[in-house]
C-alpha atoms as a PDB file:
ATOM      1  CA  MET A   1       4.039 -42.844  -3.073  1.00  0.00           C
ATOM      2  CA  ASP A   2       3.108 -41.641   0.333  1.00  0.00           C
ATOM      3  CA  ASP A   3       5.248 -38.788  -0.062  1.00  0.00           C
ATOM      4  CA  ILE A   4       3.514 -35.211  -0.328  1.00  0.00           C
ATOM      5  CA  ASN A   5       4.937 -32.909  -2.940  1.00  0.00           C
ATOM      6  CA  THR A   6       4.948 -29.192  -0.798  1.00  0.00           C
ATOM      7  CA  VAL A   7       6.519 -25.364  -1.710  1.00  0.00           C
ATOM      8  CA  ALA A   8       7.737 -23.642   0.543  1.00  0.00           C
ATOM      9  CA  VAL A   9       6.705 -19.750  -0.075  1.00  0.00           C
ATOM     10  CA  ASP A  10       9.183 -16.928   1.494  1.00  0.00           C
ATOM     11  CA  LEU A  11       6.600 -14.012   1.959  1.00  0.00           C
ATOM     12  CA  HIS A  12       8.408 -10.806   2.704  1.00  0.00           C
ATOM     13  CA  GLU A  13       7.942  -9.097   6.233  1.00  0.00           C
ATOM     14  CA  LYS A  14       8.901  -5.926   7.850  1.00  0.00           C
ATOM     15  CA  ARG A  15       8.560  -5.017  11.883  1.00  0.00           C
ATOM     16  CA  TYR A  16       6.818  -1.682  12.717  1.00  0.00           C
ATOM     17  CA  SER A  17       9.105   1.129  14.023  1.00  0.00           C
ATOM     18  CA  ASP A  18       7.635   3.384  16.864  1.00  0.00           C
ATOM     19  CA  PHE A  19       7.344   6.035  14.644  1.00  0.00           C
ATOM     20  CA  ASP A  20       4.966   3.893  12.197  1.00  0.00           C
ATOM     21  CA  LEU A  21       2.881   2.187  14.864  1.00  0.00           C
ATOM     22  CA  LEU A  22       2.253   5.793  16.216  1.00  0.00           C
ATOM     23  CA  ARG A  23       1.430   6.997  12.532  1.00  0.00           C
ATOM     24  CA  ILE A  24      -0.555   3.884  11.781  1.00  0.00           C
ATOM     25  CA  SER A  25      -2.743   4.480  15.179  1.00  0.00           C
ATOM     26  CA  LYS A  26      -3.530   8.171  14.292  1.00  0.00           C
ATOM     27  CA  ALA A  27      -4.347   7.272  10.612  1.00  0.00           C
ATOM     28  CA  VAL A  28      -7.156   4.876  12.562  1.00  0.00           C
ATOM     29  CA  SER A  29      -8.271   6.661  14.344  1.00  0.00           C
ATOM     30  CA  GLN A  30      -9.190   9.313  11.407  1.00  0.00           C
ATOM     31  CA  ASP A  31     -12.485   9.114   9.386  1.00  0.00           C
ATOM     32  CA  TYR A  32     -12.746   8.898   5.589  1.00  0.00           C
ATOM     33  CA  ASP A  33     -14.757   8.942   3.563  1.00  0.00           C
ATOM     34  CA  GLY A  34     -15.712   5.057   2.177  1.00  0.00           C
ATOM     35  CA  LEU A  35     -14.144   1.967   3.245  1.00  0.00           C
ATOM     36  CA  VAL A  36     -10.726   2.031   4.093  1.00  0.00           C
ATOM     37  CA  THR A  37      -9.615  -1.544   2.560  1.00  0.00           C
ATOM     38  CA  ALA A  38      -5.752  -1.113   4.533  1.00  0.00           C
ATOM     39  CA  TYR A  39      -3.228   1.383   5.960  1.00  0.00           C
ATOM     40  CA  LEU A  40       0.515   1.407   4.352  1.00  0.00           C
ATOM     41  CA  VAL A  41       4.282   2.469   6.234  1.00  0.00           C
ATOM     42  CA  ASN A  42       6.720   2.849   4.008  1.00  0.00           C
ATOM     43  CA  VAL A  43       5.571   3.527   1.056  1.00  0.00           C
ATOM     44  CA  HIS A  44       7.001   5.023  -2.406  1.00  0.00           C
ATOM     45  CA  ILE A  45       5.235   4.907  -5.483  1.00  0.00           C
ATOM     46  CA  HIS A  46       6.291   2.294  -8.499  1.00  0.00           C
ATOM     47  CA  ALA A  47       5.009   2.098 -12.276  1.00  0.00           C
ATOM     48  CA  CYS A  48       1.821   3.443 -11.100  1.00  0.00           C
ATOM     49  CA  SER A  49       1.238   1.690  -7.864  1.00  0.00           C
ATOM     50  CA  ALA A  50       2.131   1.953  -4.401  1.00  0.00           C
ATOM     51  CA  VAL A  51       4.275  -0.271  -2.650  1.00  0.00           C
ATOM     52  CA  GLY A  52       4.623  -0.671   0.835  1.00  0.00           C
ATOM     53  CA  VAL A  53       3.686  -2.748   4.057  1.00  0.00           C
ATOM     54  CA  VAL A  54       0.475  -3.090   5.542  1.00  0.00           C
ATOM     55  CA  PHE A  55      -1.607  -2.974   8.766  1.00  0.00           C
ATOM     56  CA  GLY A  56      -5.102  -3.918   8.993  1.00  0.00           C
ATOM     57  CA  HIS A  57      -6.153  -5.053   5.670  1.00  0.00           C
ATOM     58  CA  ILE A  58      -9.620  -5.817   5.787  1.00  0.00           C
ATOM     59  CA  CYS A  59      -9.316  -9.090   3.927  1.00  0.00           C
ATOM     60  CA  PRO A  60      -6.014 -10.618   4.589  1.00  0.00           C
ATOM     61  CA  GLY A  61      -6.267 -14.032   2.024  1.00  0.00           C
ATOM     62  CA  PRO A  62      -6.695 -16.639   2.838  1.00  0.00           C
ATOM     63  CA  TYR A  63      -2.897 -17.592   2.811  1.00  0.00           C
ATOM     64  CA  GLN A  64      -2.232 -14.009   4.969  1.00  0.00           C
ATOM     65  CA  ARG A  65      -0.769 -13.035   1.680  1.00  0.00           C
ATOM     66  CA  PHE A  66      -2.207  -9.366   2.876  1.00  0.00           C
ATOM     67  CA  ALA A  67      -1.638  -9.968   6.528  1.00  0.00           C
ATOM     68  CA  ASP A  68      -0.050  -7.379   9.242  1.00  0.00           C
ATOM     69  CA  GLY A  69       3.686  -6.826   8.042  1.00  0.00           C
ATOM     70  CA  ARG A  70       3.958  -8.022   4.738  1.00  0.00           C
ATOM     71  CA  LEU A  71       4.824  -6.295   1.372  1.00  0.00           C
ATOM     72  CA  ILE A  72       2.021  -5.269  -1.237  1.00  0.00           C
ATOM     73  CA  ARG A  73       1.960  -3.621  -4.221  1.00  0.00           C
ATOM     74  CA  THR A  74      -1.000  -2.137  -5.000  1.00  0.00           C
ATOM     75  CA  SER A  75      -3.000  -2.468  -8.596  1.00  0.00           C
ATOM     76  CA  ASP A  76      -2.758   0.577 -10.644  1.00  0.00           C
ATOM     77  CA  ILE A  77      -3.744   3.960  -8.735  1.00  0.00           C
ATOM     78  CA  GLN A  78      -7.083   5.229  -9.972  1.00  0.00           C
ATOM     79  CA  SER A  79      -6.971   8.888  -7.986  1.00  0.00           C
ATOM     80  CA  VAL A  80      -4.539  10.443  -5.013  1.00  0.00           C
ATOM     81  CA  LYS A  81      -6.098  13.364  -2.545  1.00  0.00           C
ATOM     82  CA  LYS A  82      -5.452  14.211   0.719  1.00  0.00           C
ATOM     83  CA  GLU A  83      -8.082  13.202   3.248  1.00  0.00           C
ATOM     84  CA  GLY A  84      -7.246  14.862   6.634  1.00  0.00           C
ATOM     85  CA  ARG A  85      -3.648  15.040   7.623  1.00  0.00           C
ATOM     86  CA  PHE A  86      -3.219  11.794   5.095  1.00  0.00           C
ATOM     87  CA  TRP A  87      -2.414  10.565   1.850  1.00  0.00           C
ATOM     88  CA  VAL A  88      -5.179   8.687   0.396  1.00  0.00           C
ATOM     89  CA  ILE A  89      -5.358   6.418  -2.685  1.00  0.00           C
ATOM     90  CA  ASN A  90      -7.539   4.722  -4.839  1.00  0.00           C
ATOM     91  CA  THR A  91      -7.206   1.805  -6.987  1.00  0.00           C
ATOM     92  CA  VAL A  92      -9.707   0.099  -9.000  1.00  0.00           C
ATOM     93  CA  ASN A  93     -11.200  -2.397  -6.219  1.00  0.00           C
ATOM     94  CA  SER A  94      -9.261  -0.454  -3.151  1.00  0.00           C
ATOM     95  CA  LYS A  95      -8.479   2.212  -1.025  1.00  0.00           C
ATOM     96  CA  TYR A  96      -5.230   2.716   1.325  1.00  0.00           C
ATOM     97  CA  VAL A  97      -4.060   5.251   3.221  1.00  0.00           C
ATOM     98  CA  ILE A  98      -0.389   5.875   3.773  1.00  0.00           C
ATOM     99  CA  ALA A  99       0.589   6.472   6.884  1.00  0.00           C
ATOM    100  CA  THR A 100       4.381   6.643   6.333  1.00  0.00           C
ATOM    101  CA  PHE A 101       6.104   7.218   3.560  1.00  0.00           C
ATOM    102  CA  ARG A 102       9.752   5.568   2.463  1.00  0.00           C
ATOM    103  CA  ARG A 103      12.615   7.357   3.557  1.00  0.00           C
ATOM    104  CA  ASP A 104      14.210   9.685   1.091  1.00  0.00           C
ATOM    105  CA  VAL A 105      12.247   8.247  -2.152  1.00  0.00           C
ATOM    106  CA  GLY A 106       8.849   7.972  -1.125  1.00  0.00           C
ATOM    107  CA  ARG A 107       7.572  11.514  -0.676  1.00  0.00           C
ATOM    108  CA  ARG A 108       9.080  12.592  -3.665  1.00  0.00           C
ATOM    109  CA  SER A 109       7.902   9.303  -5.582  1.00  0.00           C
ATOM    110  CA  LEU A 110       4.053  10.361  -4.348  1.00  0.00           C
ATOM    111  CA  ARG A 111       4.564  14.243  -6.142  1.00  0.00           C
ATOM    112  CA  GLU A 112       5.834  13.056  -9.130  1.00  0.00           C
ATOM    113  CA  PHE A 113       3.065  10.110  -9.713  1.00  0.00           C
ATOM    114  CA  MET A 114       0.694  13.464  -9.186  1.00  0.00           C
ATOM    115  CA  ARG A 115       3.001  15.722 -11.536  1.00  0.00           C
ATOM    116  CA  ILE A 116       2.757  12.794 -15.016  1.00  0.00           C
ATOM    117  CA  ALA A 117      -0.506  11.551 -13.850  1.00  0.00           C
ATOM    118  CA  GLY A 118      -2.328  14.936 -12.922  1.00  0.00           C
ATOM    119  CA  ASP A 119      -5.977  13.925 -12.785  1.00  0.00           C
ATOM    120  CA  ARG A 120      -6.236  11.315 -15.224  1.00  0.00           C
ATOM    121  CA  TYR A 121      -5.377   7.513 -15.154  1.00  0.00           C
ATOM    122  CA  LEU A 122      -2.305   6.247 -15.814  1.00  0.00           C
ATOM    123  CA  PRO A 123      -1.618   2.393 -16.447  1.00  0.00           C
ATOM    124  CA  THR A 124       1.454   0.819 -15.769  1.00  0.00           C
ATOM    125  CA  PRO A 125       3.026   0.093 -19.307  1.00  0.00           C
ATOM    126  CA  ASP A 126       3.232  -3.445 -20.087  1.00  0.00           C
ATOM    127  CA  ARG A 127       7.403  -3.580 -19.753  1.00  0.00           C
ATOM    128  CA  LEU A 128       7.460  -2.793 -15.772  1.00  0.00           C
ATOM    129  CA  GLN A 129       4.785  -5.115 -14.376  1.00  0.00           C
END
């Protein structure tokens, strides 16, 4: 019984494009109200949360779950507002800056979410979690 049982976990990663890196550098250099948790690229809104690739997360976690280049799905969005040149998403305990949107669906999904949610909080329906 000297064998150690192990489980391989495959975390999805993405390389940043030159455009992503340019937008990230501009987003990082801008001032925001409060502490920014992370910057997101290739973002779209799905089931009341943001899905994208993370950069500069302040707490990547013990297993680097939120390390640069990892795919992230945020908790439910509490509010969305534009600060300077970038959209900022607030969740229960985090603040994310959207550096780039996913091509074709990203901006449209944000507009649709804002149209449906308005100024109120919408939790993700159980069937979509």
